């Protein structure tokens, strides 16, 4: 099942939140990638037991303006969402 990942606000100028939903206990990894797909940082990598909606805060203060991709992997399935940092 494809995972739905959303960022709000998007575009953002300093901070944004990424939200996702878990249907079952799972290993979750969220990574931030640049516009050509290179990993910049791992934002989250853990086993999560709480089913339902989750939200992750992203501090964008250290990011340059540009297009980024947030990759979420839940167990063996991955999804991406585009996020845009503006000045």
PDB file of N, CA and C in Angstrom:
ATOM      1  N   UNK A   1       0.835  -1.180   0.000  1.00  0.00           N
ATOM      2  CA  UNK A   1       0.000   0.000   0.000  1.00  0.00           C
ATOM      3  C   UNK A   1       0.883   1.246   0.000  1.00  0.00           C
ATOM      4  N   UNK A   2       0.642   2.162  -0.920  1.00  0.00           N
ATOM      5  CA  UNK A   2       1.440   3.371  -1.022  1.00  0.00           C
ATOM      6  C   UNK A   2       1.166   4.287   0.166  1.00  0.00           C
ATOM      7  N   UNK A   3       2.223   4.818   0.734  1.00  0.00           N
ATOM      8  CA  UNK A   3       2.105   5.695   1.891  1.00  0.00           C
ATOM      9  C   UNK A   3       1.859   7.124   1.439  1.00  0.00           C
ATOM     10  N   UNK A   4       1.033   7.829   2.165  1.00  0.00           N
ATOM     11  CA  UNK A   4       0.757   9.226   1.877  1.00  0.00           C
ATOM     12  C   UNK A   4       1.579  10.085   2.824  1.00  0.00           C
ATOM     13  N   UNK A   5       2.385  10.964   2.278  1.00  0.00           N
ATOM     14  CA  UNK A   5       3.203  11.867   3.084  1.00  0.00           C
ATOM     15  C   UNK A   5       2.927  13.284   2.598  1.00  0.00           C
ATOM     16  N   UNK A   6       2.723  14.188   3.538  1.00  0.00           N
ATOM     17  CA  UNK A   6       2.421  15.569   3.201  1.00  0.00           C
ATOM     18  C   UNK A   6       3.280  16.503   4.041  1.00  0.00           C
ATOM     19  N   UNK A   7       3.572  17.674   3.496  1.00  0.00           N
ATOM     20  CA  UNK A   7       4.310  18.700   4.224  1.00  0.00           C
ATOM     21  C   UNK A   7       3.454  19.955   4.301  1.00  0.00           C
ATOM     22  N   UNK A   8       3.470  20.601   5.482  1.00  0.00           N
ATOM     23  CA  UNK A   8       2.728  21.834   5.654  1.00  0.00           C
ATOM     24  C   UNK A   8       3.475  22.735   6.624  1.00  0.00           C
ATOM     25  N   UNK A   9       3.683  23.987   6.338  1.00  0.00           N
ATOM     26  CA  UNK A   9       3.383  24.641   5.076  1.00  0.00           C
ATOM     27  C   UNK A   9       4.364  24.228   3.996  1.00  0.00           C
ATOM     28  N   UNK A  10       3.949  24.358   2.780  1.00  0.00           N
ATOM     29  CA  UNK A  10       4.785  24.020   1.632  1.00  0.00           C
ATOM     30  C   UNK A  10       4.290  24.833   0.444  1.00  0.00           C
ATOM     31  N   UNK A  11       5.091  25.789  -0.029  1.00  0.00           N
ATOM     32  CA  UNK A  11       6.467  26.116   0.346  1.00  0.00           C
ATOM     33  C   UNK A  11       6.567  26.691   1.764  1.00  0.00           C
ATOM     34  N   UNK A  12       7.793  26.644   2.297  1.00  0.00           N
ATOM     35  CA  UNK A  12       8.038  27.146   3.654  1.00  0.00           C
ATOM     36  C   UNK A  12       9.265  28.036   3.640  1.00  0.00           C
ATOM     37  N   UNK A  13       9.384  28.900   4.663  1.00  0.00           N
ATOM     38  CA  UNK A  13      10.568  29.763   4.716  1.00  0.00           C
ATOM     39  C   UNK A  13      11.486  29.460   5.880  1.00  0.00           C
ATOM     40  N   UNK A  14      10.999  28.822   6.929  1.00  0.00           N
ATOM     41  CA  UNK A  14      11.914  28.467   8.028  1.00  0.00           C
ATOM     42  C   UNK A  14      11.670  27.051   8.530  1.00  0.00           C
ATOM     43  N   UNK A  15      10.417  26.684   8.777  1.00  0.00           N
ATOM     44  CA  UNK A  15      10.112  25.362   9.315  1.00  0.00           C
ATOM     45  C   UNK A  15       8.890  24.782   8.611  1.00  0.00           C
ATOM     46  N   UNK A  16       8.820  23.461   8.606  1.00  0.00           N
ATOM     47  CA  UNK A  16       7.663  22.773   8.057  1.00  0.00           C
ATOM     48  C   UNK A  16       7.440  21.497   8.854  1.00  0.00           C
ATOM     49  N   UNK A  17       6.291  20.917   8.685  1.00  0.00           N
ATOM     50  CA  UNK A  17       5.962  19.641   9.312  1.00  0.00           C
ATOM     51  C   UNK A  17       5.682  18.622   8.224  1.00  0.00           C
ATOM     52  N   UNK A  18       6.101  17.395   8.456  1.00  0.00           N
ATOM     53  CA  UNK A  18       5.778  16.287   7.562  1.00  0.00           C
ATOM     54  C   UNK A  18       4.836  15.376   8.322  1.00  0.00           C
ATOM     55  N   UNK A  19       3.721  15.035   7.700  1.00  0.00           N
ATOM     56  CA  UNK A  19       2.771  14.143   8.349  1.00  0.00           C
ATOM     57  C   UNK A  19       2.628  12.858   7.546  1.00  0.00           C
ATOM     58  N   UNK A  20       2.380  11.777   8.270  1.00  0.00           N
ATOM     59  CA  UNK A  20       2.202  10.464   7.667  1.00  0.00           C
ATOM     60  C   UNK A  20       1.344   9.624   8.592  1.00  0.00           C
ATOM     61  N   UNK A  21       0.851   8.527   8.082  1.00  0.00           N
ATOM     62  CA  UNK A  21      -0.045   7.674   8.843  1.00  0.00           C
ATOM     63  C   UNK A  21       0.466   6.243   8.850  1.00  0.00           C
ATOM     64  N   UNK A  22       0.352   5.588  10.000  1.00  0.00           N
ATOM     65  CA  UNK A  22       0.733   4.182  10.122  1.00  0.00           C
ATOM     66  C   UNK A  22      -0.511   3.325  10.306  1.00  0.00           C
ATOM     67  N   UNK A  23      -0.573   2.243   9.556  1.00  0.00           N
ATOM     68  CA  UNK A  23      -1.680   1.300   9.661  1.00  0.00           C
ATOM     69  C   UNK A  23      -1.375   0.185  10.657  1.00  0.00           C
ATOM     70  N   UNK A  24      -0.064   0.031  10.977  1.00  0.00           N
ATOM     71  CA  UNK A  24       0.382  -1.026  11.887  1.00  0.00           C
ATOM     72  C   UNK A  24       1.732  -0.624  12.453  1.00  0.00           C
ATOM     73  N   UNK A  25       2.228  -1.371  13.419  1.00  0.00           N
ATOM     74  CA  UNK A  25       3.586  -1.138  13.914  1.00  0.00           C
ATOM     75  C   UNK A  25       4.535  -1.287  12.746  1.00  0.00           C
ATOM     76  N   UNK A  26       5.557  -0.407  12.671  1.00  0.00           N
ATOM     77  CA  UNK A  26       6.440  -0.439  11.510  1.00  0.00           C
ATOM     78  C   UNK A  26       7.773   0.225  11.825  1.00  0.00           C
ATOM     79  N   UNK A  27       8.755  -0.077  10.997  1.00  0.00           N
ATOM     80  CA  UNK A  27      10.028   0.621  11.021  1.00  0.00           C
ATOM     81  C   UNK A  27       9.906   1.789  10.058  1.00  0.00           C
ATOM     82  N   UNK A  28      10.150   3.002  10.569  1.00  0.00           N
ATOM     83  CA  UNK A  28       9.949   4.217   9.789  1.00  0.00           C
ATOM     84  C   UNK A  28      11.277   4.943   9.629  1.00  0.00           C
ATOM     85  N   UNK A  29      11.548   5.363   8.391  1.00  0.00           N
ATOM     86  CA  UNK A  29      12.722   6.169   8.094  1.00  0.00           C
ATOM     87  C   UNK A  29      12.268   7.356   7.253  1.00  0.00           C
ATOM     88  N   UNK A  30      12.688   8.552   7.657  1.00  0.00           N
ATOM     89  CA  UNK A  30      12.382   9.748   6.882  1.00  0.00           C
ATOM     90  C   UNK A  30      13.703  10.447   6.588  1.00  0.00           C
ATOM     91  N   UNK A  31      13.958  10.652   5.290  1.00  0.00           N
ATOM     92  CA  UNK A  31      15.210  11.272   4.851  1.00  0.00           C
ATOM     93  C   UNK A  31      14.918  12.489   3.992  1.00  0.00           C
ATOM     94  N   UNK A  32      15.786  13.474   4.092  1.00  0.00           N
ATOM     95  CA  UNK A  32      15.693  14.668   3.278  1.00  0.00           C
ATOM     96  C   UNK A  32      16.722  14.552   2.162  1.00  0.00           C
ATOM     97  N   UNK A  33      16.274  14.753   0.928  1.00  0.00           N
ATOM     98  CA  UNK A  33      17.145  14.639  -0.240  1.00  0.00           C
ATOM     99  C   UNK A  33      17.139  15.952  -1.015  1.00  0.00           C
ATOM    100  N   UNK A  34      18.240  16.228  -1.726  1.00  0.00           N
ATOM    101  CA  UNK A  34      18.287  17.437  -2.544  1.00  0.00           C
ATOM    102  C   UNK A  34      17.537  17.211  -3.855  1.00  0.00           C
ATOM    103  N   UNK A  35      17.566  18.182  -4.728  1.00  0.00           N
ATOM    104  CA  UNK A  35      16.761  18.131  -5.948  1.00  0.00           C
ATOM    105  C   UNK A  35      17.212  17.056  -6.933  1.00  0.00           C
ATOM    106  N   UNK A  36      18.416  16.506  -6.763  1.00  0.00           N
ATOM    107  CA  UNK A  36      18.862  15.422  -7.649  1.00  0.00           C
ATOM    108  C   UNK A  36      18.851  14.063  -6.939  1.00  0.00           C
ATOM    109  N   UNK A  37      18.215  14.022  -5.771  1.00  0.00           N
ATOM    110  CA  UNK A  37      18.002  12.761  -5.089  1.00  0.00           C
ATOM    111  C   UNK A  37      19.074  12.330  -4.111  1.00  0.00           C
ATOM    112  N   UNK A  38      20.093  13.161  -3.899  1.00  0.00           N
ATOM    113  CA  UNK A  38      21.142  12.810  -2.947  1.00  0.00           C
ATOM    114  C   UNK A  38      20.653  13.069  -1.520  1.00  0.00           C
ATOM    115  N   UNK A  39      20.896  12.108  -0.639  1.00  0.00           N
ATOM    116  CA  UNK A  39      20.477  12.236   0.751  1.00  0.00           C
ATOM    117  C   UNK A  39      21.268  13.334   1.449  1.00  0.00           C
ATOM    118  N   UNK A  40      20.548  14.231   2.111  1.00  0.00           N
ATOM    119  CA  UNK A  40      21.163  15.311   2.886  1.00  0.00           C
ATOM    120  C   UNK A  40      21.238  14.926   4.351  1.00  0.00           C
ATOM    121  N   UNK A  41      20.123  14.380   4.854  1.00  0.00           N
ATOM    122  CA  UNK A  41      20.110  13.982   6.263  1.00  0.00           C
ATOM    123  C   UNK A  41      19.001  12.984   6.532  1.00  0.00           C
ATOM    124  N   UNK A  42      19.196  12.218   7.588  1.00  0.00           N
ATOM    125  CA  UNK A  42      18.159  11.319   8.079  1.00  0.00           C
ATOM    126  C   UNK A  42      17.446  12.050   9.210  1.00  0.00           C
ATOM    127  N   UNK A  43      16.158  12.278   9.027  1.00  0.00           N
ATOM    128  CA  UNK A  43      15.371  13.015  10.010  1.00  0.00           C
ATOM    129  C   UNK A  43      14.790  12.101  11.080  1.00  0.00           C
ATOM    130  N   UNK A  44      14.544  10.836  10.695  1.00  0.00           N
ATOM    131  CA  UNK A  44      13.943   9.876  11.615  1.00  0.00           C
ATOM    132  C   UNK A  44      14.298   8.478  11.149  1.00  0.00           C
ATOM    133  N   UNK A  45      14.625   7.609  12.076  1.00  0.00           N
ATOM    134  CA  UNK A  45      14.877   6.201  11.772  1.00  0.00           C
ATOM    135  C   UNK A  45      14.616   5.414  13.050  1.00  0.00           C
ATOM    136  N   UNK A  46      13.411   4.815  13.129  1.00  0.00           N
ATOM    137  CA  UNK A  46      13.052   4.104  14.350  1.00  0.00           C
ATOM    138  C   UNK A  46      11.868   3.180  14.118  1.00  0.00           C
ATOM    139  N   UNK A  47      11.689   2.285  15.056  1.00  0.00           N
ATOM    140  CA  UNK A  47      10.512   1.423  15.069  1.00  0.00           C
ATOM    141  C   UNK A  47       9.414   2.177  15.800  1.00  0.00           C
ATOM    142  N   UNK A  48       8.231   2.252  15.187  1.00  0.00           N
ATOM    143  CA  UNK A  48       7.119   2.969  15.802  1.00  0.00           C
ATOM    144  C   UNK A  48       5.970   2.005  16.043  1.00  0.00           C
ATOM    145  N   UNK A  49       5.411   2.070  17.244  1.00  0.00           N
ATOM    146  CA  UNK A  49       4.337   1.154  17.637  1.00  0.00           C
ATOM    147  C   UNK A  49       2.967   1.803  17.630  1.00  0.00           C
ATOM    148  N   UNK A  50       2.920   3.135  17.545  1.00  0.00           N
ATOM    149  CA  UNK A  50       1.648   3.844  17.618  1.00  0.00           C
ATOM    150  C   UNK A  50       1.003   3.937  16.239  1.00  0.00           C
ATOM    151  N   UNK A  51      -0.152   3.342  16.096  1.00  0.00           N
ATOM    152  CA  UNK A  51      -0.906   3.364  14.851  1.00  0.00           C
ATOM    153  C   UNK A  51      -1.625   4.708  14.739  1.00  0.00           C
ATOM    154  N   UNK A  52      -1.735   5.231  13.512  1.00  0.00           N
ATOM    155  CA  UNK A  52      -2.463   6.477  13.283  1.00  0.00           C
ATOM    156  C   UNK A  52      -1.582   7.554  12.691  1.00  0.00           C
ATOM    157  N   UNK A  53      -2.012   8.793  12.889  1.00  0.00           N
ATOM    158  CA  UNK A  53      -1.330   9.950  12.311  1.00  0.00           C
ATOM    159  C   UNK A  53      -0.088  10.322  13.123  1.00  0.00           C
ATOM    160  N   UNK A  54       0.966  10.700  12.395  1.00  0.00           N
ATOM    161  CA  UNK A  54       2.215  11.152  13.000  1.00  0.00           C
ATOM    162  C   UNK A  54       2.645  12.435  12.312  1.00  0.00           C
ATOM    163  N   UNK A  55       3.380  13.279  13.044  1.00  0.00           N
ATOM    164  CA  UNK A  55       3.864  14.536  12.493  1.00  0.00           C
ATOM    165  C   UNK A  55       5.318  14.729  12.921  1.00  0.00           C
ATOM    166  N   UNK A  56       6.164  15.121  11.966  1.00  0.00           N
ATOM    167  CA  UNK A  56       7.578  15.348  12.242  1.00  0.00           C
ATOM    168  C   UNK A  56       7.934  16.791  11.899  1.00  0.00           C
ATOM    169  N   UNK A  57       8.524  17.508  12.844  1.00  0.00           N
ATOM    170  CA  UNK A  57       8.957  18.893  12.648  1.00  0.00           C
ATOM    171  C   UNK A  57      10.277  18.911  11.892  1.00  0.00           C
ATOM    172  N   UNK A  58      10.361  19.751  10.868  1.00  0.00           N
ATOM    173  CA  UNK A  58      11.620  19.937  10.131  1.00  0.00           C
ATOM    174  C   UNK A  58      12.057  21.383  10.312  1.00  0.00           C
ATOM    175  N   UNK A  59      13.215  21.562  10.922  1.00  0.00           N
ATOM    176  CA  UNK A  59      13.803  22.886  11.076  1.00  0.00           C
ATOM    177  C   UNK A  59      14.560  23.202   9.792  1.00  0.00           C
ATOM    178  N   UNK A  60      14.038  24.124   9.014  1.00  0.00           N
ATOM    179  CA  UNK A  60      14.643  24.467   7.731  1.00  0.00           C
ATOM    180  C   UNK A  60      15.611  25.622   7.788  1.00  0.00           C
ATOM    181  N   UNK A  61      15.941  26.091   8.992  1.00  0.00           N
ATOM    182  CA  UNK A  61      16.840  27.239   9.133  1.00  0.00           C
ATOM    183  C   UNK A  61      18.198  27.014   8.458  1.00  0.00           C
ATOM    184  N   UNK A  62      18.697  25.781   8.450  1.00  0.00           N
ATOM    185  CA  UNK A  62      20.016  25.491   7.886  1.00  0.00           C
ATOM    186  C   UNK A  62      19.976  25.187   6.384  1.00  0.00           C
ATOM    187  N   UNK A  63      18.781  25.145   5.795  1.00  0.00           N
ATOM    188  CA  UNK A  63      18.650  24.808   4.384  1.00  0.00           C
ATOM    189  C   UNK A  63      18.688  26.055   3.508  1.00  0.00           C
ATOM    190  N   UNK A  64      19.322  25.932   2.352  1.00  0.00           N
ATOM    191  CA  UNK A  64      19.278  26.993   1.356  1.00  0.00           C
ATOM    192  C   UNK A  64      17.926  26.949   0.659  1.00  0.00           C
ATOM    193  N   UNK A  65      17.541  28.050   0.059  1.00  0.00           N
ATOM    194  CA  UNK A  65      16.307  28.066  -0.723  1.00  0.00           C
ATOM    195  C   UNK A  65      16.456  27.069  -1.871  1.00  0.00           C
ATOM    196  N   UNK A  66      15.384  26.339  -2.161  1.00  0.00           N
ATOM    197  CA  UNK A  66      15.439  25.378  -3.258  1.00  0.00           C
ATOM    198  C   UNK A  66      14.401  24.291  -3.099  1.00  0.00           C
ATOM    199  N   UNK A  67      14.489  23.318  -3.993  1.00  0.00           N
ATOM    200  CA  UNK A  67      13.568  22.184  -4.011  1.00  0.00           C
ATOM    201  C   UNK A  67      14.231  20.999  -3.324  1.00  0.00           C
ATOM    202  N   UNK A  68      13.482  20.353  -2.453  1.00  0.00           N
ATOM    203  CA  UNK A  68      13.944  19.173  -1.728  1.00  0.00           C
ATOM    204  C   UNK A  68      12.891  18.078  -1.837  1.00  0.00           C
ATOM    205  N   UNK A  69      13.306  16.867  -1.552  1.00  0.00           N
ATOM    206  CA  UNK A  69      12.383  15.741  -1.507  1.00  0.00           C
ATOM    207  C   UNK A  69      12.494  15.083  -0.144  1.00  0.00           C
ATOM    208  N   UNK A  70      11.359  14.788   0.411  1.00  0.00           N
ATOM    209  CA  UNK A  70      11.295  14.088   1.679  1.00  0.00           C
ATOM    210  C   UNK A  70      10.887  12.654   1.362  1.00  0.00           C
ATOM    211  N   UNK A  71      11.745  11.698   1.707  1.00  0.00           N
ATOM    212  CA  UNK A  71      11.489  10.289   1.428  1.00  0.00           C
ATOM    213  C   UNK A  71      11.101   9.597   2.725  1.00  0.00           C
ATOM    214  N   UNK A  72       9.958   8.939   2.715  1.00  0.00           N
ATOM    215  CA  UNK A  72       9.533   8.160   3.868  1.00  0.00           C
ATOM    216  C   UNK A  72       9.528   6.692   3.474  1.00  0.00           C
ATOM    217  N   UNK A  73      10.159   5.879   4.300  1.00  0.00           N
ATOM    218  CA  UNK A  73      10.151   4.431   4.105  1.00  0.00           C
ATOM    219  C   UNK A  73       9.470   3.822   5.321  1.00  0.00           C
ATOM    220  N   UNK A  74       8.417   3.081   5.054  1.00  0.00           N
ATOM    221  CA  UNK A  74       7.706   2.374   6.105  1.00  0.00           C
ATOM    222  C   UNK A  74       7.822   0.898   5.778  1.00  0.00           C
ATOM    223  N   UNK A  75       8.560   0.187   6.640  1.00  0.00           N
ATOM    224  CA  UNK A  75       8.960  -1.190   6.362  1.00  0.00           C
ATOM    225  C   UNK A  75       9.668  -1.204   5.005  1.00  0.00           C
ATOM    226  N   UNK A  76       9.145  -1.863   3.992  1.00  0.00           N
ATOM    227  CA  UNK A  76       9.870  -1.966   2.718  1.00  0.00           C
ATOM    228  C   UNK A  76       9.303  -1.066   1.625  1.00  0.00           C
ATOM    229  N   UNK A  77       8.316  -0.226   1.948  1.00  0.00           N
ATOM    230  CA  UNK A  77       7.705   0.651   0.950  1.00  0.00           C
ATOM    231  C   UNK A  77       8.149   2.097   1.153  1.00  0.00           C
ATOM    232  N   UNK A  78       8.403   2.791   0.036  1.00  0.00           N
ATOM    233  CA  UNK A  78       8.854   4.184   0.107  1.00  0.00           C
ATOM    234  C   UNK A  78       7.947   5.100  -0.702  1.00  0.00           C
ATOM    235  N   UNK A  79       7.830   6.334  -0.222  1.00  0.00           N
ATOM    236  CA  UNK A  79       7.099   7.393  -0.919  1.00  0.00           C
ATOM    237  C   UNK A  79       7.897   8.677  -0.793  1.00  0.00           C
ATOM    238  N   UNK A  80       7.642   9.602  -1.711  1.00  0.00           N
ATOM    239  CA  UNK A  80       8.323  10.894  -1.707  1.00  0.00           C
ATOM    240  C   UNK A  80       7.302  12.024  -1.744  1.00  0.00           C
ATOM    241  N   UNK A  81       7.709  13.176  -1.196  1.00  0.00           N
ATOM    242  CA  UNK A  81       6.952  14.392  -1.403  1.00  0.00           C
ATOM    243  C   UNK A  81       7.951  15.512  -1.655  1.00  0.00           C
ATOM    244  N   UNK A  82       7.588  16.420  -2.543  1.00  0.00           N
ATOM    245  CA  UNK A  82       8.454  17.557  -2.848  1.00  0.00           C
ATOM    246  C   UNK A  82       8.151  18.674  -1.856  1.00  0.00           C
ATOM    247  N   UNK A  83       9.207  19.260  -1.301  1.00  0.00           N
ATOM    248  CA  UNK A  83       9.043  20.429  -0.439  1.00  0.00           C
ATOM    249  C   UNK A  83       9.915  21.549  -0.992  1.00  0.00           C
ATOM    250  N   UNK A  84       9.456  22.769  -0.848  1.00  0.00           N
ATOM    251  CA  UNK A  84      10.150  23.916  -1.417  1.00  0.00           C
ATOM    252  C   UNK A  84      10.471  24.901  -0.312  1.00  0.00           C
ATOM    253  N   UNK A  85      11.758  25.232  -0.190  1.00  0.00           N
ATOM    254  CA  UNK A  85      12.235  26.211   0.790  1.00  0.00           C
ATOM    255  C   UNK A  85      12.420  27.538   0.060  1.00  0.00           C
ATOM    256  N   UNK A  86      11.779  28.599   0.571  1.00  0.00           N
ATOM    257  CA  UNK A  86      11.926  29.924   0.004  1.00  0.00           C
ATOM    258  C   UNK A  86      12.600  30.821   1.045  1.00  0.00           C
ATOM    259  N   UNK A  87      13.158  31.912   0.608  1.00  0.00           N
ATOM    260  CA  UNK A  87      13.797  32.847   1.551  1.00  0.00           C
ATOM    261  C   UNK A  87      12.783  33.722   2.211  1.00  0.00           C
TER     262      UNK A  87
END
